[in-house]
């Protein structure tokens, strides 16, 4: 039988695990000035700074 997948974060440091939930992966579409095609930029941003990051 297969093992059941665990969704909970298991670390020795529970504070670090709780802090990890405050970060978000943000993907922006950026237009290339050379070709006009879109490229995607990925960043890990704190959840309180998302609007500032997208406003750039």
PDB file of N, CA and C in Angstrom:
ATOM      1  N   UNK A   1       0.831  -1.181   0.000  1.00  0.00           N
ATOM      2  CA  UNK A   1       0.000   0.000   0.000  1.00  0.00           C
ATOM      3  C   UNK A   1       0.877   1.247   0.000  1.00  0.00           C
ATOM      4  N   UNK A   2       0.387   2.296  -0.586  1.00  0.00           N
ATOM      5  CA  UNK A   2       1.118   3.554  -0.649  1.00  0.00           C
ATOM      6  C   UNK A   2       0.943   4.325   0.647  1.00  0.00           C
ATOM      7  N   UNK A   3       1.952   5.132   0.938  1.00  0.00           N
ATOM      8  CA  UNK A   3       1.871   5.974   2.130  1.00  0.00           C
ATOM      9  C   UNK A   3       0.983   7.178   1.849  1.00  0.00           C
ATOM     10  N   UNK A   4       0.288   7.641   2.859  1.00  0.00           N
ATOM     11  CA  UNK A   4      -0.562   8.821   2.724  1.00  0.00           C
ATOM     12  C   UNK A   4       0.309  10.075   2.725  1.00  0.00           C
ATOM     13  N   UNK A   5      -0.022  11.036   1.864  1.00  0.00           N
ATOM     14  CA  UNK A   5       0.732  12.288   1.786  1.00  0.00           C
ATOM     15  C   UNK A   5       0.383  13.172   2.981  1.00  0.00           C
ATOM     16  N   UNK A   6       1.372  13.775   3.549  1.00  0.00           N
ATOM     17  CA  UNK A   6       1.164  14.689   4.671  1.00  0.00           C
ATOM     18  C   UNK A   6       1.280  16.117   4.170  1.00  0.00           C
ATOM     19  N   UNK A   7       0.291  16.938   4.458  1.00  0.00           N
ATOM     20  CA  UNK A   7       0.308  18.321   3.998  1.00  0.00           C
ATOM     21  C   UNK A   7       0.887  19.279   5.018  1.00  0.00           C
ATOM     22  N   UNK A   8       1.012  18.861   6.250  1.00  0.00           N
ATOM     23  CA  UNK A   8       1.518  19.744   7.300  1.00  0.00           C
ATOM     24  C   UNK A   8       3.027  19.900   7.163  1.00  0.00           C
ATOM     25  N   UNK A   9       3.525  21.081   7.462  1.00  0.00           N
ATOM     26  CA  UNK A   9       4.962  21.335   7.467  1.00  0.00           C
ATOM     27  C   UNK A   9       5.528  20.757   8.753  1.00  0.00           C
ATOM     28  N   UNK A  10       6.514  19.901   8.617  1.00  0.00           N
ATOM     29  CA  UNK A  10       7.113  19.275   9.788  1.00  0.00           C
ATOM     30  C   UNK A  10       8.551  19.732   9.902  1.00  0.00           C
ATOM     31  N   UNK A  11       8.809  20.594  10.859  1.00  0.00           N
ATOM     32  CA  UNK A  11      10.165  21.043  11.142  1.00  0.00           C
ATOM     33  C   UNK A  11      10.381  21.016  12.636  1.00  0.00           C
ATOM     34  N   UNK A  12      11.617  21.127  13.027  1.00  0.00           N
ATOM     35  CA  UNK A  12      11.934  21.196  14.450  1.00  0.00           C
ATOM     36  C   UNK A  12      11.602  22.570  15.001  1.00  0.00           C
ATOM     37  N   UNK A  13      11.675  23.584  14.151  1.00  0.00           N
ATOM     38  CA  UNK A  13      11.435  24.957  14.586  1.00  0.00           C
ATOM     39  C   UNK A  13      10.050  25.404  14.107  1.00  0.00           C
ATOM     40  N   UNK A  14       9.066  25.389  14.968  1.00  0.00           N
ATOM     41  CA  UNK A  14       7.703  25.747  14.601  1.00  0.00           C
ATOM     42  C   UNK A  14       7.561  27.224  14.250  1.00  0.00           C
ATOM     43  N   UNK A  15       8.396  28.081  14.868  1.00  0.00           N
ATOM     44  CA  UNK A  15       8.340  29.514  14.550  1.00  0.00           C
ATOM     45  C   UNK A  15       8.757  29.759  13.105  1.00  0.00           C
ATOM     46  N   UNK A  16       9.776  29.060  12.637  1.00  0.00           N
ATOM     47  CA  UNK A  16      10.218  29.193  11.250  1.00  0.00           C
ATOM     48  C   UNK A  16       9.144  28.688  10.289  1.00  0.00           C
ATOM     49  N   UNK A  17       8.452  27.631  10.655  1.00  0.00           N
ATOM     50  CA  UNK A  17       7.385  27.097   9.817  1.00  0.00           C
ATOM     51  C   UNK A  17       6.227  28.086   9.730  1.00  0.00           C
ATOM     52  N   UNK A  18       5.900  28.740  10.822  1.00  0.00           N
ATOM     53  CA  UNK A  18       4.822  29.731  10.817  1.00  0.00           C
ATOM     54  C   UNK A  18       5.220  30.958  10.017  1.00  0.00           C
ATOM     55  N   UNK A  19       6.497  31.357  10.085  1.00  0.00           N
ATOM     56  CA  UNK A  19       6.973  32.516   9.336  1.00  0.00           C
ATOM     57  C   UNK A  19       7.004  32.242   7.841  1.00  0.00           C
ATOM     58  N   UNK A  20       7.202  31.004   7.439  1.00  0.00           N
ATOM     59  CA  UNK A  20       7.258  30.646   6.018  1.00  0.00           C
ATOM     60  C   UNK A  20       5.923  30.889   5.329  1.00  0.00           C
ATOM     61  N   UNK A  21       4.842  30.869   6.072  1.00  0.00           N
ATOM     62  CA  UNK A  21       3.524  31.094   5.490  1.00  0.00           C
ATOM     63  C   UNK A  21       3.285  32.550   5.126  1.00  0.00           C
ATOM     64  N   UNK A  22       4.157  33.453   5.552  1.00  0.00           N
ATOM     65  CA  UNK A  22       4.012  34.876   5.257  1.00  0.00           C
ATOM     66  C   UNK A  22       4.636  35.270   3.925  1.00  0.00           C
ATOM     67  N   UNK A  23       5.237  34.341   3.215  1.00  0.00           N
ATOM     68  CA  UNK A  23       5.902  34.621   1.943  1.00  0.00           C
ATOM     69  C   UNK A  23       5.065  34.065   0.805  1.00  0.00           C
ATOM     70  N   UNK A  24       5.075  34.784  -0.339  1.00  0.00           N
ATOM     71  CA  UNK A  24       4.259  34.423  -1.480  1.00  0.00           C
ATOM     72  C   UNK A  24       5.109  34.469  -2.745  1.00  0.00           C
ATOM     73  N   UNK A  25       4.859  33.557  -3.659  1.00  0.00           N
ATOM     74  CA  UNK A  25       5.530  33.569  -4.951  1.00  0.00           C
ATOM     75  C   UNK A  25       4.720  34.456  -5.887  1.00  0.00           C
ATOM     76  N   UNK A  26       5.369  35.478  -6.457  1.00  0.00           N
ATOM     77  CA  UNK A  26       4.711  36.422  -7.343  1.00  0.00           C
ATOM     78  C   UNK A  26       5.299  36.257  -8.738  1.00  0.00           C
ATOM     79  N   UNK A  27       4.435  36.134  -9.738  1.00  0.00           N
ATOM     80  CA  UNK A  27       4.865  35.983 -11.123  1.00  0.00           C
ATOM     81  C   UNK A  27       4.357  37.191 -11.898  1.00  0.00           C
ATOM     82  N   UNK A  28       5.300  37.936 -12.511  1.00  0.00           N
ATOM     83  CA  UNK A  28       4.949  39.122 -13.288  1.00  0.00           C
ATOM     84  C   UNK A  28       5.218  38.869 -14.757  1.00  0.00           C
ATOM     85  N   UNK A  29       4.340  39.363 -15.614  1.00  0.00           N
ATOM     86  CA  UNK A  29       4.581  39.338 -17.057  1.00  0.00           C
ATOM     87  C   UNK A  29       5.264  40.649 -17.419  1.00  0.00           C
ATOM     88  N   UNK A  30       6.441  40.551 -18.029  1.00  0.00           N
ATOM     89  CA  UNK A  30       7.218  41.729 -18.396  1.00  0.00           C
ATOM     90  C   UNK A  30       7.423  41.704 -19.903  1.00  0.00           C
ATOM     91  N   UNK A  31       7.112  42.799 -20.563  1.00  0.00           N
ATOM     92  CA  UNK A  31       7.254  42.873 -22.013  1.00  0.00           C
ATOM     93  C   UNK A  31       8.686  43.224 -22.385  1.00  0.00           C
ATOM     94  N   UNK A  32       9.260  42.465 -23.288  1.00  0.00           N
ATOM     95  CA  UNK A  32      10.622  42.700 -23.748  1.00  0.00           C
ATOM     96  C   UNK A  32      10.633  43.890 -24.703  1.00  0.00           C
ATOM     97  N   UNK A  33      11.506  44.888 -24.467  1.00  0.00           N
ATOM     98  CA  UNK A  33      11.546  46.042 -25.376  1.00  0.00           C
ATOM     99  C   UNK A  33      12.128  45.686 -26.741  1.00  0.00           C
ATOM    100  N   UNK A  34      12.917  44.643 -26.797  1.00  0.00           N
ATOM    101  CA  UNK A  34      13.569  44.256 -28.039  1.00  0.00           C
ATOM    102  C   UNK A  34      12.618  43.542 -29.002  1.00  0.00           C
ATOM    103  N   UNK A  35      11.942  42.503 -28.515  1.00  0.00           N
ATOM    104  CA  UNK A  35      11.106  41.689 -29.396  1.00  0.00           C
ATOM    105  C   UNK A  35       9.608  41.925 -29.209  1.00  0.00           C
ATOM    106  N   UNK A  36       9.227  42.519 -28.080  1.00  0.00           N
ATOM    107  CA  UNK A  36       7.811  42.736 -27.809  1.00  0.00           C
ATOM    108  C   UNK A  36       7.126  41.530 -27.186  1.00  0.00           C
ATOM    109  N   UNK A  37       7.848  40.441 -27.023  1.00  0.00           N
ATOM    110  CA  UNK A  37       7.274  39.241 -26.411  1.00  0.00           C
ATOM    111  C   UNK A  37       7.264  39.388 -24.892  1.00  0.00           C
ATOM    112  N   UNK A  38       6.389  38.648 -24.264  1.00  0.00           N
ATOM    113  CA  UNK A  38       6.309  38.671 -22.807  1.00  0.00           C
ATOM    114  C   UNK A  38       7.233  37.618 -22.212  1.00  0.00           C
ATOM    115  N   UNK A  39       7.888  37.980 -21.128  1.00  0.00           N
ATOM    116  CA  UNK A  39       8.645  37.036 -20.328  1.00  0.00           C
ATOM    117  C   UNK A  39       8.079  37.098 -18.923  1.00  0.00           C
ATOM    118  N   UNK A  40       8.367  36.094 -18.135  1.00  0.00           N
ATOM    119  CA  UNK A  40       7.810  36.024 -16.797  1.00  0.00           C
ATOM    120  C   UNK A  40       8.931  36.075 -15.772  1.00  0.00           C
ATOM    121  N   UNK A  41       8.778  36.944 -14.784  1.00  0.00           N
ATOM    122  CA  UNK A  41       9.733  37.082 -13.689  1.00  0.00           C
ATOM    123  C   UNK A  41       9.077  36.545 -12.425  1.00  0.00           C
ATOM    124  N   UNK A  42       9.756  35.623 -11.767  1.00  0.00           N
ATOM    125  CA  UNK A  42       9.243  35.040 -10.535  1.00  0.00           C
ATOM    126  C   UNK A  42      10.060  35.551  -9.357  1.00  0.00           C
ATOM    127  N   UNK A  43       9.375  35.894  -8.275  1.00  0.00           N
ATOM    128  CA  UNK A  43      10.041  36.361  -7.068  1.00  0.00           C
ATOM    129  C   UNK A  43       9.282  35.850  -5.851  1.00  0.00           C
ATOM    130  N   UNK A  44      10.004  35.698  -4.763  1.00  0.00           N
ATOM    131  CA  UNK A  44       9.398  35.364  -3.484  1.00  0.00           C
ATOM    132  C   UNK A  44       9.342  36.664  -2.688  1.00  0.00           C
ATOM    133  N   UNK A  45       8.133  37.099  -2.332  1.00  0.00           N
ATOM    134  CA  UNK A  45       7.911  38.401  -1.704  1.00  0.00           C
ATOM    135  C   UNK A  45       7.108  38.205  -0.428  1.00  0.00           C
ATOM    136  N   UNK A  46       7.415  39.000   0.586  1.00  0.00           N
ATOM    137  CA  UNK A  46       6.627  38.967   1.819  1.00  0.00           C
ATOM    138  C   UNK A  46       5.215  39.445   1.508  1.00  0.00           C
ATOM    139  N   UNK A  47       4.232  38.839   2.154  1.00  0.00           N
ATOM    140  CA  UNK A  47       2.840  39.136   1.810  1.00  0.00           C
ATOM    141  C   UNK A  47       2.450  40.595   2.036  1.00  0.00           C
ATOM    142  N   UNK A  48       3.158  41.301   2.917  1.00  0.00           N
ATOM    143  CA  UNK A  48       2.855  42.710   3.154  1.00  0.00           C
ATOM    144  C   UNK A  48       3.440  43.620   2.083  1.00  0.00           C
ATOM    145  N   UNK A  49       4.365  43.140   1.272  1.00  0.00           N
ATOM    146  CA  UNK A  49       5.059  43.956   0.278  1.00  0.00           C
ATOM    147  C   UNK A  49       4.618  43.668  -1.159  1.00  0.00           C
ATOM    148  N   UNK A  50       3.568  42.879  -1.352  1.00  0.00           N
ATOM    149  CA  UNK A  50       3.155  42.482  -2.695  1.00  0.00           C
ATOM    150  C   UNK A  50       2.719  43.678  -3.532  1.00  0.00           C
ATOM    151  N   UNK A  51       1.913  44.574  -2.977  1.00  0.00           N
ATOM    152  CA  UNK A  51       1.440  45.726  -3.751  1.00  0.00           C
ATOM    153  C   UNK A  51       2.582  46.638  -4.153  1.00  0.00           C
ATOM    154  N   UNK A  52       3.572  46.812  -3.267  1.00  0.00           N
ATOM    155  CA  UNK A  52       4.725  47.625  -3.604  1.00  0.00           C
ATOM    156  C   UNK A  52       5.512  46.989  -4.742  1.00  0.00           C
ATOM    157  N   UNK A  53       5.678  45.674  -4.696  1.00  0.00           N
ATOM    158  CA  UNK A  53       6.422  44.968  -5.733  1.00  0.00           C
ATOM    159  C   UNK A  53       5.730  45.070  -7.091  1.00  0.00           C
ATOM    160  N   UNK A  54       4.415  44.898  -7.104  1.00  0.00           N
ATOM    161  CA  UNK A  54       3.676  44.966  -8.354  1.00  0.00           C
ATOM    162  C   UNK A  54       3.546  46.396  -8.881  1.00  0.00           C
ATOM    163  N   UNK A  55       3.685  47.365  -8.015  1.00  0.00           N
ATOM    164  CA  UNK A  55       3.601  48.760  -8.421  1.00  0.00           C
ATOM    165  C   UNK A  55       4.862  49.281  -9.113  1.00  0.00           C
ATOM    166  N   UNK A  56       5.929  48.530  -9.065  1.00  0.00           N
ATOM    167  CA  UNK A  56       7.196  48.960  -9.686  1.00  0.00           C
ATOM    168  C   UNK A  56       7.080  48.988 -11.190  1.00  0.00           C
TER     169      UNK A  56
END
